[in-house]
Full PDB file with SEQRES, HELIX, SHEET, SSBOND, CRYST1, ORIGX, SCALE, CONECT and MASTER records, all heavy atoms in Angstrom:
SEQRES   1 A   40  GLY ARG LEU LEU LYS ARG ALA ALA GLU ILE CYS GLY ASN          
SEQRES   2 A   40  PRO GLY ALA LEU CYS SER ARG LEU HIS VAL SER GLU HIS          
SEQRES   3 A   40  SER LEU ARG LEU TRP ILE ASP GLY LYS ALA ARG LEU PRO          
SEQRES   4 A   40  GLU                                                          
HELIX    1 AA1 ARG A    2  CYS A   11  1                                  10    
HELIX    2 AA2 PRO A   14  LEU A   21  1                                   8    
HELIX    3 AA3 GLU A   25  ILE A   32  1                                   8    
CRYST1    1.000    1.000    1.000  90.00  90.00  90.00 P 1           1          
ORIGX1      1.000000  0.000000  0.000000        0.00000                         
ORIGX2      0.000000  1.000000  0.000000        0.00000                         
ORIGX3      0.000000  0.000000  1.000000        0.00000                         
SCALE1      1.000000  0.000000  0.000000        0.00000                         
SCALE2      0.000000  1.000000  0.000000        0.00000                         
SCALE3      0.000000  0.000000  1.000000        0.00000                         
ATOM      1  N   GLY A   1       0.813  -1.207   0.000  1.00  0.00           N  
ATOM      2  CA  GLY A   1       0.000   0.000   0.000  1.00  0.00           C  
ATOM      3  C   GLY A   1       0.846   1.257   0.000  1.00  0.00           C  
ATOM      4  O   GLY A   1       0.595   2.199  -0.754  1.00  0.00           O  
ATOM      5  N   ARG A   2       1.892   1.260   0.841  1.00  0.00           N  
ATOM      6  CA  ARG A   2       2.787   2.415   0.891  1.00  0.00           C  
ATOM      7  C   ARG A   2       3.541   2.577  -0.421  1.00  0.00           C  
ATOM      8  O   ARG A   2       3.731   3.700  -0.912  1.00  0.00           O  
ATOM      9  CB  ARG A   2       3.754   2.285   2.061  1.00  0.00           C  
ATOM     10  CG  ARG A   2       3.052   2.468   3.407  1.00  0.00           C  
ATOM     11  CD  ARG A   2       4.002   2.426   4.588  1.00  0.00           C  
ATOM     12  NE  ARG A   2       4.497   1.065   4.747  1.00  0.00           N  
ATOM     13  CZ  ARG A   2       5.766   0.749   5.008  1.00  0.00           C  
ATOM     14  NH1 ARG A   2       6.676   1.671   5.147  1.00  0.00           N  
ATOM     15  NH2 ARG A   2       6.125  -0.514   5.158  1.00  0.00           N  
ATOM     16  N   LEU A   3       3.971   1.472  -1.011  1.00  0.00           N  
ATOM     17  CA  LEU A   3       4.672   1.519  -2.288  1.00  0.00           C  
ATOM     18  C   LEU A   3       3.779   2.122  -3.374  1.00  0.00           C  
ATOM     19  O   LEU A   3       4.200   2.993  -4.131  1.00  0.00           O  
ATOM     20  CB  LEU A   3       5.117   0.112  -2.699  1.00  0.00           C  
ATOM     21  CG  LEU A   3       5.780   0.000  -4.070  1.00  0.00           C  
ATOM     22  CD1 LEU A   3       7.166   0.622  -4.050  1.00  0.00           C  
ATOM     23  CD2 LEU A   3       5.859  -1.456  -4.494  1.00  0.00           C  
ATOM     24  N   LEU A   4       2.535   1.673  -3.420  1.00  0.00           N  
ATOM     25  CA  LEU A   4       1.615   2.167  -4.447  1.00  0.00           C  
ATOM     26  C   LEU A   4       1.252   3.634  -4.228  1.00  0.00           C  
ATOM     27  O   LEU A   4       1.118   4.391  -5.197  1.00  0.00           O  
ATOM     28  CB  LEU A   4       0.359   1.304  -4.495  1.00  0.00           C  
ATOM     29  CG  LEU A   4       0.578  -0.108  -5.036  1.00  0.00           C  
ATOM     30  CD1 LEU A   4      -0.671  -0.952  -4.833  1.00  0.00           C  
ATOM     31  CD2 LEU A   4       0.973  -0.078  -6.505  1.00  0.00           C  
ATOM     32  N   LYS A   5       1.105   4.049  -2.978  1.00  0.00           N  
ATOM     33  CA  LYS A   5       0.830   5.467  -2.701  1.00  0.00           C  
ATOM     34  C   LYS A   5       1.992   6.331  -3.172  1.00  0.00           C  
ATOM     35  O   LYS A   5       1.780   7.392  -3.773  1.00  0.00           O  
ATOM     36  CB  LYS A   5       0.587   5.686  -1.212  1.00  0.00           C  
ATOM     37  CG  LYS A   5      -0.757   5.193  -0.742  1.00  0.00           C  
ATOM     38  CD  LYS A   5      -0.908   5.393   0.758  1.00  0.00           C  
ATOM     39  CE  LYS A   5      -2.186   4.770   1.258  1.00  0.00           C  
ATOM     40  NZ  LYS A   5      -2.305   4.859   2.732  1.00  0.00           N  
ATOM     41  N   ARG A   6       3.212   5.886  -2.911  1.00  0.00           N  
ATOM     42  CA  ARG A   6       4.385   6.638  -3.352  1.00  0.00           C  
ATOM     43  C   ARG A   6       4.470   6.671  -4.874  1.00  0.00           C  
ATOM     44  O   ARG A   6       4.762   7.707  -5.469  1.00  0.00           O  
ATOM     45  CB  ARG A   6       5.654   5.988  -2.757  1.00  0.00           C  
ATOM     46  CG  ARG A   6       6.940   6.619  -3.199  1.00  0.00           C  
ATOM     47  CD  ARG A   6       7.196   7.938  -2.486  1.00  0.00           C  
ATOM     48  NE  ARG A   6       8.510   8.409  -2.836  1.00  0.00           N  
ATOM     49  CZ  ARG A   6       8.725   9.385  -3.725  1.00  0.00           C  
ATOM     50  NH1 ARG A   6       7.724  10.005  -4.281  1.00  0.00           N  
ATOM     51  NH2 ARG A   6       9.954   9.755  -4.031  1.00  0.00           N  
ATOM     52  N   ALA A   7       4.191   5.556  -5.520  1.00  0.00           N  
ATOM     53  CA  ALA A   7       4.214   5.513  -6.985  1.00  0.00           C  
ATOM     54  C   ALA A   7       3.148   6.439  -7.565  1.00  0.00           C  
ATOM     55  O   ALA A   7       3.382   7.105  -8.572  1.00  0.00           O  
ATOM     56  CB  ALA A   7       4.016   4.079  -7.471  1.00  0.00           C  
ATOM     57  N   ALA A   8       1.980   6.498  -6.918  1.00  0.00           N  
ATOM     58  CA  ALA A   8       0.917   7.392  -7.385  1.00  0.00           C  
ATOM     59  C   ALA A   8       1.341   8.854  -7.248  1.00  0.00           C  
ATOM     60  O   ALA A   8       1.054   9.677  -8.134  1.00  0.00           O  
ATOM     61  CB  ALA A   8      -0.375   7.129  -6.618  1.00  0.00           C  
ATOM     62  N   GLU A   9       2.031   9.195  -6.166  1.00  0.00           N  
ATOM     63  CA  GLU A   9       2.553  10.556  -5.995  1.00  0.00           C  
ATOM     64  C   GLU A   9       3.525  10.902  -7.116  1.00  0.00           C  
ATOM     65  O   GLU A   9       3.484  11.998  -7.670  1.00  0.00           O  
ATOM     66  CB  GLU A   9       3.272  10.693  -4.653  1.00  0.00           C  
ATOM     67  CG  GLU A   9       2.372  10.671  -3.450  1.00  0.00           C  
ATOM     68  CD  GLU A   9       3.169  10.657  -2.147  1.00  0.00           C  
ATOM     69  OE1 GLU A   9       4.417  10.773  -2.183  1.00  0.00           O  
ATOM     70  OE2 GLU A   9       2.534  10.517  -1.091  1.00  0.00           O  
ATOM     71  N   ILE A  10       4.391   9.966  -7.441  1.00  0.00           N  
ATOM     72  CA  ILE A  10       5.382  10.192  -8.489  1.00  0.00           C  
ATOM     73  C   ILE A  10       4.702  10.386  -9.839  1.00  0.00           C  
ATOM     74  O   ILE A  10       5.076  11.265 -10.619  1.00  0.00           O  
ATOM     75  CB  ILE A  10       6.391   9.024  -8.535  1.00  0.00           C  
ATOM     76  CG1 ILE A  10       7.232   9.013  -7.261  1.00  0.00           C  
ATOM     77  CG2 ILE A  10       7.281   9.099  -9.778  1.00  0.00           C  
ATOM     78  CD1 ILE A  10       8.013   7.732  -7.033  1.00  0.00           C  
ATOM     79  N   CYS A  11       3.686   9.569 -10.109  1.00  0.00           N  
ATOM     80  CA  CYS A  11       2.973   9.653 -11.389  1.00  0.00           C  
ATOM     81  C   CYS A  11       2.054  10.867 -11.465  1.00  0.00           C  
ATOM     82  O   CYS A  11       1.643  11.256 -12.555  1.00  0.00           O  
ATOM     83  CB  CYS A  11       2.168   8.377 -11.622  1.00  0.00           C  
ATOM     84  SG  CYS A  11       3.198   6.942 -11.954  1.00  0.00           S  
ATOM     85  N   GLY A  12       1.707  11.425 -10.334  1.00  0.00           N  
ATOM     86  CA  GLY A  12       0.847  12.603 -10.322  1.00  0.00           C  
ATOM     87  C   GLY A  12      -0.500  12.373  -9.666  1.00  0.00           C  
ATOM     88  O   GLY A  12      -1.039  13.257  -9.035  1.00  0.00           O  
ATOM     89  N   ASN A  13      -1.043  11.168  -9.822  1.00  0.00           N  
ATOM     90  CA  ASN A  13      -2.320  10.807  -9.198  1.00  0.00           C  
ATOM     91  C   ASN A  13      -2.577   9.329  -9.430  1.00  0.00           C  
ATOM     92  O   ASN A  13      -1.915   8.700 -10.261  1.00  0.00           O  
ATOM     93  CB  ASN A  13      -3.472  11.676  -9.742  1.00  0.00           C  
ATOM     94  CG  ASN A  13      -3.647  11.542 -11.235  1.00  0.00           C  
ATOM     95  OD1 ASN A  13      -3.864  10.451 -11.762  1.00  0.00           O  
ATOM     96  ND2 ASN A  13      -3.533  12.660 -11.945  1.00  0.00           N  
ATOM     97  N   PRO A  14      -3.542   8.747  -8.694  1.00  0.00           N  
ATOM     98  CA  PRO A  14      -3.805   7.307  -8.857  1.00  0.00           C  
ATOM     99  C   PRO A  14      -4.217   6.911 -10.276  1.00  0.00           C  
ATOM    100  O   PRO A  14      -3.830   5.841 -10.755  1.00  0.00           O  
ATOM    101  CB  PRO A  14      -4.944   7.043  -7.869  1.00  0.00           C  
ATOM    102  CG  PRO A  14      -4.766   8.090  -6.817  1.00  0.00           C  
ATOM    103  CD  PRO A  14      -4.290   9.311  -7.564  1.00  0.00           C  
ATOM    104  N   GLY A  15      -4.961   7.763 -10.961  1.00  0.00           N  
ATOM    105  CA  GLY A  15      -5.365   7.451 -12.332  1.00  0.00           C  
ATOM    106  C   GLY A  15      -4.184   7.309 -13.275  1.00  0.00           C  
ATOM    107  O   GLY A  15      -4.142   6.409 -14.121  1.00  0.00           O  
ATOM    108  N   ALA A  16      -3.200   8.194 -13.097  1.00  0.00           N  
ATOM    109  CA  ALA A  16      -2.000   8.120 -13.938  1.00  0.00           C  
ATOM    110  C   ALA A  16      -1.203   6.847 -13.632  1.00  0.00           C  
ATOM    111  O   ALA A  16      -0.652   6.228 -14.543  1.00  0.00           O  
ATOM    112  CB  ALA A  16      -1.133   9.356 -13.717  1.00  0.00           C  
ATOM    113  N   LEU A  17      -1.170   6.465 -12.358  1.00  0.00           N  
ATOM    114  CA  LEU A  17      -0.485   5.220 -11.991  1.00  0.00           C  
ATOM    115  C   LEU A  17      -1.199   4.033 -12.618  1.00  0.00           C  
ATOM    116  O   LEU A  17      -0.550   3.127 -13.142  1.00  0.00           O  
ATOM    117  CB  LEU A  17      -0.412   5.064 -10.477  1.00  0.00           C  
ATOM    118  CG  LEU A  17       0.227   3.760  -9.980  1.00  0.00           C  
ATOM    119  CD1 LEU A  17       1.668   3.626 -10.472  1.00  0.00           C  
ATOM    120  CD2 LEU A  17       0.160   3.687  -8.462  1.00  0.00           C  
ATOM    121  N   CYS A  18      -2.527   4.027 -12.584  1.00  0.00           N  
ATOM    122  CA  CYS A  18      -3.292   2.935 -13.206  1.00  0.00           C  
ATOM    123  C   CYS A  18      -2.952   2.807 -14.686  1.00  0.00           C  
ATOM    124  O   CYS A  18      -2.760   1.693 -15.184  1.00  0.00           O  
ATOM    125  CB  CYS A  18      -4.792   3.178 -13.032  1.00  0.00           C  
ATOM    126  SG  CYS A  18      -5.374   2.942 -11.353  1.00  0.00           S  
ATOM    127  N   SER A  19      -2.876   3.932 -15.362  1.00  0.00           N  
ATOM    128  CA  SER A  19      -2.541   3.912 -16.786  1.00  0.00           C  
ATOM    129  C   SER A  19      -1.141   3.344 -17.004  1.00  0.00           C  
ATOM    130  O   SER A  19      -0.924   2.535 -17.912  1.00  0.00           O  
ATOM    131  CB  SER A  19      -2.612   5.322 -17.373  1.00  0.00           C  
ATOM    132  OG  SER A  19      -3.929   5.786 -17.343  1.00  0.00           O  
ATOM    133  N   ARG A  20      -0.216   3.769 -16.164  1.00  0.00           N  
ATOM    134  CA  ARG A  20       1.164   3.308 -16.323  1.00  0.00           C  
ATOM    135  C   ARG A  20       1.313   1.821 -16.015  1.00  0.00           C  
ATOM    136  O   ARG A  20       2.094   1.118 -16.661  1.00  0.00           O  
ATOM    137  CB  ARG A  20       2.074   4.130 -15.415  1.00  0.00           C  
ATOM    138  CG  ARG A  20       3.516   3.870 -15.646  1.00  0.00           C  
ATOM    139  CD  ARG A  20       4.357   5.074 -15.399  1.00  0.00           C  
ATOM    140  NE  ARG A  20       5.759   4.717 -15.460  1.00  0.00           N  
ATOM    141  CZ  ARG A  20       6.724   5.410 -14.919  1.00  0.00           C  
ATOM    142  NH1 ARG A  20       6.447   6.515 -14.277  1.00  0.00           N  
ATOM    143  NH2 ARG A  20       7.959   5.021 -15.029  1.00  0.00           N  
ATOM    144  N   LEU A  21       0.526   1.329 -15.031  1.00  0.00           N  
ATOM    145  CA  LEU A  21       0.611  -0.081 -14.659  1.00  0.00           C  
ATOM    146  C   LEU A  21      -0.353  -0.961 -15.461  1.00  0.00           C  
ATOM    147  O   LEU A  21      -0.313  -2.184 -15.336  1.00  0.00           O  
ATOM    148  CB  LEU A  21       0.305  -0.243 -13.161  1.00  0.00           C  
ATOM    149  CG  LEU A  21       1.270   0.412 -12.184  1.00  0.00           C  
ATOM    150  CD1 LEU A  21       0.780   0.236 -10.759  1.00  0.00           C  
ATOM    151  CD2 LEU A  21       2.677  -0.145 -12.349  1.00  0.00           C  
ATOM    152  N   HIS A  22      -1.237  -0.337 -16.233  1.00  0.00           N  
ATOM    153  CA  HIS A  22      -2.247  -1.060 -17.020  1.00  0.00           C  
ATOM    154  C   HIS A  22      -3.171  -1.879 -16.114  1.00  0.00           C  
ATOM    155  O   HIS A  22      -3.387  -3.075 -16.345  1.00  0.00           O  
ATOM    156  CB  HIS A  22      -1.591  -1.957 -18.082  1.00  0.00           C  
ATOM    157  CG  HIS A  22      -0.614  -1.235 -18.942  1.00  0.00           C  
ATOM    158  ND1 HIS A  22      -0.990  -0.316 -19.884  1.00  0.00           N  
ATOM    159  CD2 HIS A  22       0.740  -1.281 -18.984  1.00  0.00           C  
ATOM    160  CE1 HIS A  22       0.077   0.175 -20.486  1.00  0.00           C  
ATOM    161  NE2 HIS A  22       1.143  -0.398 -19.954  1.00  0.00           N  
ATOM    162  N   VAL A  23      -3.686  -1.201 -15.071  1.00  0.00           N  
ATOM    163  CA  VAL A  23      -4.614  -1.841 -14.138  1.00  0.00           C  
ATOM    164  C   VAL A  23      -5.823  -0.938 -13.926  1.00  0.00           C  
ATOM    165  O   VAL A  23      -5.776   0.258 -14.223  1.00  0.00           O  
ATOM    166  CB  VAL A  23      -3.943  -2.140 -12.772  1.00  0.00           C  
ATOM    167  CG1 VAL A  23      -2.753  -3.083 -12.952  1.00  0.00           C  
ATOM    168  CG2 VAL A  23      -3.515  -0.871 -12.059  1.00  0.00           C  
ATOM    169  N   SER A  24      -6.892  -1.498 -13.387  1.00  0.00           N  
ATOM    170  CA  SER A  24      -8.092  -0.703 -13.122  1.00  0.00           C  
ATOM    171  C   SER A  24      -7.938   0.066 -11.811  1.00  0.00           C  
ATOM    172  O   SER A  24      -7.163  -0.335 -10.919  1.00  0.00           O  
ATOM    173  CB  SER A  24      -9.320  -1.609 -13.036  1.00  0.00           C  
ATOM    174  OG  SER A  24      -9.269  -2.393 -11.861  1.00  0.00           O  
ATOM    175  N   GLU A  25      -8.682   1.156 -11.690  1.00  0.00           N  
ATOM    176  CA  GLU A  25      -8.655   1.920 -10.447  1.00  0.00           C  
ATOM    177  C   GLU A  25      -9.227   1.097  -9.297  1.00  0.00           C  
ATOM    178  O   GLU A  25      -8.784   1.238  -8.155  1.00  0.00           O  
ATOM    179  CB  GLU A  25      -9.403   3.238 -10.616  1.00  0.00           C  
ATOM    180  CG  GLU A  25      -8.630   4.215 -11.491  1.00  0.00           C  
ATOM    181  CD  GLU A  25      -9.199   5.627 -11.473  1.00  0.00           C  
ATOM    182  OE1 GLU A  25      -9.678   6.074 -10.409  1.00  0.00           O  
ATOM    183  OE2 GLU A  25      -9.157   6.272 -12.531  1.00  0.00           O  
ATOM    184  N   HIS A  26     -10.185   0.236  -9.586  1.00  0.00           N  
ATOM    185  CA  HIS A  26     -10.754  -0.624  -8.557  1.00  0.00           C  
ATOM    186  C   HIS A  26      -9.682  -1.559  -7.982  1.00  0.00           C  
ATOM    187  O   HIS A  26      -9.556  -1.690  -6.760  1.00  0.00           O  
ATOM    188  CB  HIS A  26     -11.924  -1.440  -9.129  1.00  0.00           C  
ATOM    189  CG  HIS A  26     -12.490  -2.426  -8.162  1.00  0.00           C  
ATOM    190  ND1 HIS A  26     -13.245  -2.052  -7.073  1.00  0.00           N  
ATOM    191  CD2 HIS A  26     -12.387  -3.779  -8.094  1.00  0.00           C  
ATOM    192  CE1 HIS A  26     -13.595  -3.126  -6.385  1.00  0.00           C  
ATOM    193  NE2 HIS A  26     -13.084  -4.192  -7.001  1.00  0.00           N  
ATOM    194  N   SER A  27      -8.904  -2.167  -8.848  1.00  0.00           N  
ATOM    195  CA  SER A  27      -7.821  -3.051  -8.386  1.00  0.00           C  
ATOM    196  C   SER A  27      -6.796  -2.270  -7.581  1.00  0.00           C  
ATOM    197  O   SER A  27      -6.356  -2.718  -6.511  1.00  0.00           O  
ATOM    198  CB  SER A  27      -7.133  -3.730  -9.572  1.00  0.00           C  
ATOM    199  OG  SER A  27      -8.010  -4.623 -10.205  1.00  0.00           O  
ATOM    200  N   LEU A  28      -6.431  -1.098  -8.063  1.00  0.00           N  
ATOM    201  CA  LEU A  28      -5.452  -0.276  -7.360  1.00  0.00           C  
ATOM    202  C   LEU A  28      -5.943   0.052  -5.950  1.00  0.00           C  
ATOM    203  O   LEU A  28      -5.183  -0.044  -4.980  1.00  0.00           O  
ATOM    204  CB  LEU A  28      -5.157   1.009  -8.132  1.00  0.00           C  
ATOM    205  CG  LEU A  28      -4.107   1.922  -7.509  1.00  0.00           C  
ATOM    206  CD1 LEU A  28      -2.738   1.263  -7.511  1.00  0.00           C  
ATOM    207  CD2 LEU A  28      -4.065   3.254  -8.234  1.00  0.00           C  
ATOM    208  N   ARG A  29      -7.205   0.413  -5.815  1.00  0.00           N  
ATOM    209  CA  ARG A  29      -7.762   0.745  -4.506  1.00  0.00           C  
ATOM    210  C   ARG A  29      -7.716  -0.466  -3.574  1.00  0.00           C  
ATOM    211  O   ARG A  29      -7.373  -0.334  -2.402  1.00  0.00           O  
ATOM    212  CB  ARG A  29      -9.207   1.257  -4.674  1.00  0.00           C  
ATOM    213  CG  ARG A  29      -9.918   1.606  -3.413  1.00  0.00           C  
ATOM    214  CD  ARG A  29      -9.274   2.604  -2.472  1.00  0.00           C  
ATOM    215  NE  ARG A  29      -8.653   3.748  -3.075  1.00  0.00           N  
ATOM    216  CZ  ARG A  29      -7.652   4.444  -2.507  1.00  0.00           C  
ATOM    217  NH1 ARG A  29      -7.187   4.119  -1.335  1.00  0.00           N  
ATOM    218  NH2 ARG A  29      -7.134   5.473  -3.114  1.00  0.00           N  
ATOM    219  N   LEU A  30      -8.051  -1.649  -4.082  1.00  0.00           N  
ATOM    220  CA  LEU A  30      -7.978  -2.870  -3.256  1.00  0.00           C  
ATOM    221  C   LEU A  30      -6.554  -3.118  -2.759  1.00  0.00           C  
ATOM    222  O   LEU A  30      -6.345  -3.470  -1.604  1.00  0.00           O  
ATOM    223  CB  LEU A  30      -8.475  -4.083  -4.046  1.00  0.00           C  
ATOM    224  CG  LEU A  30      -9.969  -4.166  -4.333  1.00  0.00           C  
ATOM    225  CD1 LEU A  30     -10.256  -5.357  -5.251  1.00  0.00           C  
ATOM    226  CD2 LEU A  30     -10.768  -4.284  -3.047  1.00  0.00           C  
ATOM    227  N   TRP A  31      -5.583  -2.934  -3.638  1.00  0.00           N  
ATOM    228  CA  TRP A  31      -4.187  -3.155  -3.266  1.00  0.00           C  
ATOM    229  C   TRP A  31      -3.702  -2.118  -2.265  1.00  0.00           C  
ATOM    230  O   TRP A  31      -3.016  -2.448  -1.302  1.00  0.00           O  
ATOM    231  CB  TRP A  31      -3.292  -3.152  -4.501  1.00  0.00           C  
ATOM    232  CG  TRP A  31      -3.605  -4.244  -5.475  1.00  0.00           C  
ATOM    233  CD1 TRP A  31      -4.060  -5.502  -5.184  1.00  0.00           C  
ATOM    234  CD2 TRP A  31      -3.486  -4.184  -6.890  1.00  0.00           C  
ATOM    235  NE1 TRP A  31      -4.219  -6.220  -6.346  1.00  0.00           N  
ATOM    236  CE2 TRP A  31      -3.884  -5.441  -7.405  1.00  0.00           C  
ATOM    237  CE3 TRP A  31      -3.090  -3.197  -7.780  1.00  0.00           C  
ATOM    238  CZ2 TRP A  31      -3.871  -5.726  -8.769  1.00  0.00           C  
ATOM    239  CZ3 TRP A  31      -3.088  -3.481  -9.136  1.00  0.00           C  
ATOM    240  CH2 TRP A  31      -3.475  -4.738  -9.614  1.00  0.00           C  
ATOM    241  N   ILE A  32      -4.045  -0.852  -2.486  1.00  0.00           N  
ATOM    242  CA  ILE A  32      -3.623   0.207  -1.566  1.00  0.00           C  
ATOM    243  C   ILE A  32      -4.231  -0.011  -0.187  1.00  0.00           C  
ATOM    244  O   ILE A  32      -3.568   0.176   0.833  1.00  0.00           O  
ATOM    245  CB  ILE A  32      -3.992   1.600  -2.123  1.00  0.00           C  
ATOM    246  CG1 ILE A  32      -3.067   1.949  -3.297  1.00  0.00           C  
ATOM    247  CG2 ILE A  32      -3.910   2.667  -1.034  1.00  0.00           C  
ATOM    248  CD1 ILE A  32      -3.407   3.249  -4.006  1.00  0.00           C  
ATOM    249  N   ASP A  33      -5.489  -0.429  -0.156  1.00  0.00           N  
ATOM    250  CA  ASP A  33      -6.174  -0.653   1.118  1.00  0.00           C  
ATOM    251  C   ASP A  33      -5.781  -1.968   1.786  1.00  0.00           C  
ATOM    252  O   ASP A  33      -6.252  -2.278   2.879  1.00  0.00           O  
ATOM    253  CB  ASP A  33      -7.695  -0.624   0.913  1.00  0.00           C  
ATOM    254  CG  ASP A  33      -8.204   0.757   0.540  1.00  0.00           C  
ATOM    255  OD1 ASP A  33      -7.468   1.753   0.756  1.00  0.00           O  
ATOM    256  OD2 ASP A  33      -9.333   0.857   0.022  1.00  0.00           O  
ATOM    257  N   GLY A  34      -4.948  -2.760   1.135  1.00  0.00           N  
ATOM    258  CA  GLY A  34      -4.497  -4.023   1.714  1.00  0.00           C  
ATOM    259  C   GLY A  34      -5.564  -5.099   1.707  1.00  0.00           C  
ATOM    260  O   GLY A  34      -5.514  -6.041   2.492  1.00  0.00           O  
ATOM    261  N   LYS A  35      -6.523  -5.004   0.796  1.00  0.00           N  
ATOM    262  CA  LYS A  35      -7.607  -5.986   0.729  1.00  0.00           C  
ATOM    263  C   LYS A  35      -7.325  -7.097  -0.277  1.00  0.00           C  
ATOM    264  O   LYS A  35      -8.083  -8.051  -0.371  1.00  0.00           O  
ATOM    265  CB  LYS A  35      -8.922  -5.289   0.389  1.00  0.00           C  
ATOM    266  CG  LYS A  35      -9.359  -4.345   1.490  1.00  0.00           C  
ATOM    267  CD  LYS A  35     -10.649  -3.666   1.161  1.00  0.00           C  
ATOM    268  CE  LYS A  35     -11.053  -2.726   2.293  1.00  0.00           C  
ATOM    269  NZ  LYS A  35     -12.252  -1.978   1.964  1.00  0.00           N  
ATOM    270  N   ALA A  36      -6.262  -6.946  -1.025  1.00  0.00           N  
ATOM    271  CA  ALA A  36      -5.873  -7.973  -2.000  1.00  0.00           C  
ATOM    272  C   ALA A  36      -4.361  -7.909  -2.169  1.00  0.00           C  
ATOM    273  O   ALA A  36      -3.750  -6.852  -2.000  1.00  0.00           O  
ATOM    274  CB  ALA A  36      -6.574  -7.738  -3.338  1.00  0.00           C  
ATOM    275  N   ARG A  37      -3.781  -9.034  -2.482  1.00  0.00           N  
ATOM    276  CA  ARG A  37      -2.330  -9.102  -2.690  1.00  0.00           C  
ATOM    277  C   ARG A  37      -2.000  -8.631  -4.107  1.00  0.00           C  
ATOM    278  O   ARG A  37      -2.651  -8.994  -5.079  1.00  0.00           O  
ATOM    279  CB  ARG A  37      -1.831 -10.517  -2.480  1.00  0.00           C  
ATOM    280  CG  ARG A  37      -0.316 -10.627  -2.535  1.00  0.00           C  
ATOM    281  CD  ARG A  37       0.179 -11.965  -2.076  1.00  0.00           C  
ATOM    282  NE  ARG A  37      -0.103 -12.199  -0.666  1.00  0.00           N  
ATOM    283  CZ  ARG A  37       0.661 -11.762   0.331  1.00  0.00           C  
ATOM    284  NH1 ARG A  37       1.724 -11.043   0.072  1.00  0.00           N  
ATOM    285  NH2 ARG A  37       0.357 -12.049   1.572  1.00  0.00           N  
ATOM    286  N   LEU A  38      -0.964  -7.853  -4.185  1.00  0.00           N  
ATOM    287  CA  LEU A  38      -0.498  -7.282  -5.444  1.00  0.00           C  
ATOM    288  C   LEU A  38       0.169  -8.357  -6.298  1.00  0.00           C  
ATOM    289  O   LEU A  38       1.031  -9.089  -5.800  1.00  0.00           O  
ATOM    290  CB  LEU A  38       0.511  -6.192  -5.081  1.00  0.00           C  
ATOM    291  CG  LEU A  38       1.002  -5.209  -6.097  1.00  0.00           C  
ATOM    292  CD1 LEU A  38      -0.146  -4.417  -6.686  1.00  0.00           C  
ATOM    293  CD2 LEU A  38       1.976  -4.258  -5.432  1.00  0.00           C  
ATOM    294  N   PRO A  39      -0.199  -8.476  -7.582  1.00  0.00           N  
ATOM    295  CA  PRO A  39       0.499  -9.427  -8.457  1.00  0.00           C  
ATOM    296  C   PRO A  39       1.979  -9.047  -8.577  1.00  0.00           C  
ATOM    297  O   PRO A  39       2.339  -7.868  -8.549  1.00  0.00           O  
ATOM    298  CB  PRO A  39      -0.206  -9.273  -9.807  1.00  0.00           C  
ATOM    299  CG  PRO A  39      -1.534  -8.680  -9.481  1.00  0.00           C  
ATOM    300  CD  PRO A  39      -1.310  -7.824  -8.275  1.00  0.00           C  
ATOM    301  N   GLU A  40       2.821 -10.042  -8.704  1.00  0.00           N  
ATOM    302  CA  GLU A  40       4.263  -9.816  -8.721  1.00  0.00           C  
ATOM    303  C   GLU A  40       4.691  -8.819  -9.790  1.00  0.00           C  
ATOM    304  O   GLU A  40       5.506  -7.930  -9.533  1.00  0.00           O  
ATOM    305  CB  GLU A  40       5.007 -11.137  -8.917  1.00  0.00           C  
ATOM    306  CG  GLU A  40       6.510 -10.979  -8.852  1.00  0.00           C  
ATOM    307  CD  GLU A  40       7.243 -12.300  -8.989  1.00  0.00           C  
ATOM    308  OE1 GLU A  40       6.619 -13.367  -8.889  1.00  0.00           O  
ATOM    309  OE2 GLU A  40       8.463 -12.248  -9.184  1.00  0.00           O  
TER     310      GLU A  40                                                      
MASTER        0    0    0    3    0    0    0    6  309    1    0    4          
END                                                                             
């Protein structure tokens, strides 16, 4: 969660991080909140 929050700050916002990682915002939120394990 901390890693993804920092990456989102670097990218500018969570939406930009989603685009860069090619993932949905829903998945990103689950990972940041610690509700699902991040794929390797």
